[in-house]
């Protein structure tokens, strides 16, 4: 059941927040692996740090490559008002994350900006980023009264 408060680890953002995406195994055919989307929790800090400081992640961001655990904690685990972090888990492992912030100014409080969206290098191409974005859209439209969601995309060229 969804409430207006942040859900605990047993709850997900919405019924559409559980997505089945293929899991690739070199020996067998692809199988469905459920991806659960939830709010970030304090125990996730070391997984987020590993994900956000991975060389394949840092390459595509404007962030410095040597963020400390404390910096990650302050930005994503203990965020300012209006900032949210969702994580995607598969088999209880964090395989992706999405952060977004709702604009605090009254005239543009209906606008939110997504940044960052990160999927672990070993799990890319499996629909995890799409599942995170869908969950963010659901959360912003249904619960936060956001009517405009902005996202900057950097593509390999």
Protein backbone atom coordinates (compact mmCIF):
# COMPACT_ATOMS: atom_id res chain seq x y z
CA UNK A 1 0.00 0.00 0.00
CA UNK A 2 1.33 3.41 -0.91
CA UNK A 3 1.19 6.27 1.57
CA UNK A 4 2.24 9.89 1.32
CA UNK A 5 5.28 9.16 3.48
CA UNK A 6 8.37 7.54 2.06
CA UNK A 7 7.75 3.78 1.84
CA UNK A 8 9.86 1.39 3.84
CA UNK A 9 12.05 -1.24 2.21
CA UNK A 10 9.12 -3.65 1.88
CA UNK A 11 7.06 -1.21 -0.20
CA UNK A 12 7.59 -0.09 -3.76
CA UNK A 13 6.59 3.13 -5.45
CA UNK A 14 3.62 1.67 -7.31
CA UNK A 15 2.35 -1.58 -8.67
CA UNK A 16 3.94 -0.61 -12.00
CA UNK A 17 7.30 -0.15 -10.30
CA UNK A 18 8.09 -3.88 -10.47
CA UNK A 19 9.31 -4.63 -13.94
CA UNK A 20 10.45 -7.90 -15.41
CA UNK A 21 13.55 -7.52 -17.53
CA UNK A 22 15.70 -10.22 -19.09
CA UNK A 23 18.74 -11.44 -17.20
CA UNK A 24 21.48 -12.66 -19.51
CA UNK A 25 23.43 -15.79 -18.76
CA UNK A 26 26.12 -17.07 -21.10
CA UNK A 27 25.11 -20.71 -20.60
CA UNK A 28 21.30 -20.56 -20.76
CA UNK A 29 18.71 -18.57 -22.63
CA UNK A 30 17.60 -15.21 -21.20
CA UNK A 31 15.19 -15.44 -18.27
CA UNK A 32 13.02 -12.88 -16.54
CA UNK A 33 14.46 -11.21 -13.45
CA UNK A 34 12.21 -8.93 -11.42
CA UNK A 35 13.48 -5.41 -10.86
CA UNK A 36 12.11 -3.65 -7.78
CA UNK A 37 12.18 0.12 -7.54
CA UNK A 38 12.31 1.66 -4.05
CA UNK A 39 13.57 4.68 -2.15
CA UNK A 40 17.21 4.67 -1.18
CA UNK A 41 18.00 3.60 2.39
CA UNK A 42 20.96 4.38 4.68
CA UNK A 43 22.30 0.83 4.31
CA UNK A 44 22.65 1.45 0.55
CA UNK A 45 25.46 3.99 0.92
CA UNK A 46 28.39 1.71 0.08
CA UNK A 47 26.59 0.25 -2.95
CA UNK A 48 25.78 3.75 -4.20
CA UNK A 49 29.35 4.87 -3.64
CA UNK A 50 30.64 1.92 -5.66
CA UNK A 51 28.11 2.57 -8.43
CA UNK A 52 28.69 6.33 -8.64
CA UNK A 53 32.50 6.18 -8.52
CA UNK A 54 32.86 3.31 -11.01
CA UNK A 55 35.08 4.40 -13.92
CA UNK A 56 32.40 3.55 -16.51
CA UNK A 57 29.90 5.73 -14.62
CA UNK A 58 32.16 8.71 -13.94
CA UNK A 59 33.23 8.87 -17.59
CA UNK A 60 29.71 9.98 -18.61
CA UNK A 61 29.12 12.52 -15.85
CA UNK A 62 30.44 15.95 -14.97
CA UNK A 63 31.24 14.68 -11.47
CA UNK A 64 34.73 14.32 -10.04
CA UNK A 65 35.91 10.69 -10.01
CA UNK A 66 36.88 10.50 -6.35
CA UNK A 67 33.70 11.26 -4.43
CA UNK A 68 33.86 10.24 -0.80
CA UNK A 69 31.29 8.10 0.97
CA UNK A 70 30.39 11.19 3.03
CA UNK A 71 29.70 13.21 -0.14
CA UNK A 72 27.48 10.46 -1.55
CA UNK A 73 25.72 10.15 1.82
CA UNK A 74 25.01 13.88 2.00
CA UNK A 75 23.70 14.08 -1.57
CA UNK A 76 21.63 10.91 -1.82
CA UNK A 77 21.01 9.40 1.62
CA UNK A 78 20.42 12.67 3.50
CA UNK A 79 19.17 14.93 0.71
CA UNK A 80 17.77 18.43 0.99
CA UNK A 81 14.02 19.02 0.91
CA UNK A 82 12.57 18.19 -2.50
CA UNK A 83 15.36 15.83 -3.55
CA UNK A 84 14.61 12.14 -4.03
CA UNK A 85 16.62 9.03 -4.87
CA UNK A 86 15.21 5.79 -6.21
CA UNK A 87 17.19 2.58 -6.57
CA UNK A 88 16.60 -0.47 -8.75
CA UNK A 89 17.32 -3.82 -7.15
CA UNK A 90 17.63 -7.27 -8.62
CA UNK A 91 18.13 -10.25 -6.33
CA UNK A 92 18.54 -7.73 -3.49
CA UNK A 93 21.52 -6.05 -5.23
CA UNK A 94 21.43 -2.42 -6.33
CA UNK A 95 21.78 -2.38 -10.11
CA UNK A 96 20.79 1.22 -10.79
CA UNK A 97 19.70 4.52 -9.29
CA UNK A 98 17.91 7.69 -10.26
CA UNK A 99 17.95 11.02 -8.48
CA UNK A 100 15.60 13.92 -9.06
CA UNK A 101 14.77 17.22 -7.44
CA UNK A 102 11.60 19.27 -7.40
CA UNK A 103 12.17 22.96 -7.96
CA UNK A 104 11.64 24.75 -4.61
CA UNK A 105 10.50 28.09 -6.06
CA UNK A 106 6.70 28.58 -5.87
CA UNK A 107 6.29 29.68 -9.51
CA UNK A 108 8.03 26.58 -10.84
CA UNK A 109 7.28 24.05 -8.10
CA UNK A 110 5.58 21.96 -10.80
CA UNK A 111 9.00 21.28 -12.43
CA UNK A 112 11.45 18.53 -11.47
CA UNK A 113 14.83 17.63 -12.93
CA UNK A 114 16.19 14.09 -13.18
CA UNK A 115 19.89 13.74 -12.46
CA UNK A 116 21.59 11.32 -12.38
CA UNK A 117 20.34 8.07 -13.88
CA UNK A 118 22.95 5.34 -13.44
CA UNK A 119 22.75 1.66 -14.34
CA UNK A 120 25.60 -0.67 -13.36
CA UNK A 121 27.78 -1.50 -16.39
CA UNK A 122 27.00 -5.24 -16.06
CA UNK A 123 23.25 -4.61 -16.16
CA UNK A 124 22.86 -2.09 -18.98
CA UNK A 125 20.52 -2.80 -21.87
CA UNK A 126 18.04 -4.70 -19.70
CA UNK A 127 15.40 -2.00 -19.21
CA UNK A 128 16.55 -0.89 -15.75
CA UNK A 129 16.96 2.76 -16.71
CA UNK A 130 13.51 2.71 -18.30
CA UNK A 131 12.02 1.16 -15.15
CA UNK A 132 13.62 3.88 -13.00
CA UNK A 133 12.34 6.67 -15.25
CA UNK A 134 8.82 5.15 -15.30
CA UNK A 135 8.82 4.98 -11.50
CA UNK A 136 10.01 8.61 -11.27
CA UNK A 137 7.27 9.72 -13.67
CA UNK A 138 4.66 7.86 -11.62
CA UNK A 139 5.92 9.34 -8.35
CA UNK A 140 6.12 12.90 -9.67
CA UNK A 141 2.73 12.84 -11.42
CA UNK A 142 0.72 10.91 -8.83
CA UNK A 143 2.23 12.14 -5.55
CA UNK A 144 4.29 15.30 -6.02
CA UNK A 145 2.05 17.31 -8.38
CA UNK A 146 4.88 17.75 -10.89
CA UNK A 147 3.76 18.52 -14.45
CA UNK A 148 7.15 18.94 -16.11
CA UNK A 149 10.06 16.53 -15.75
CA UNK A 150 13.41 17.51 -17.28
CA UNK A 151 16.22 15.16 -18.26
CA UNK A 152 19.51 15.89 -20.03
CA UNK A 153 20.71 12.90 -22.08
CA UNK A 154 24.33 12.40 -23.16
CA UNK A 155 24.74 9.82 -25.93
CA UNK A 156 27.79 8.01 -27.19
CA UNK A 157 28.67 9.38 -30.56
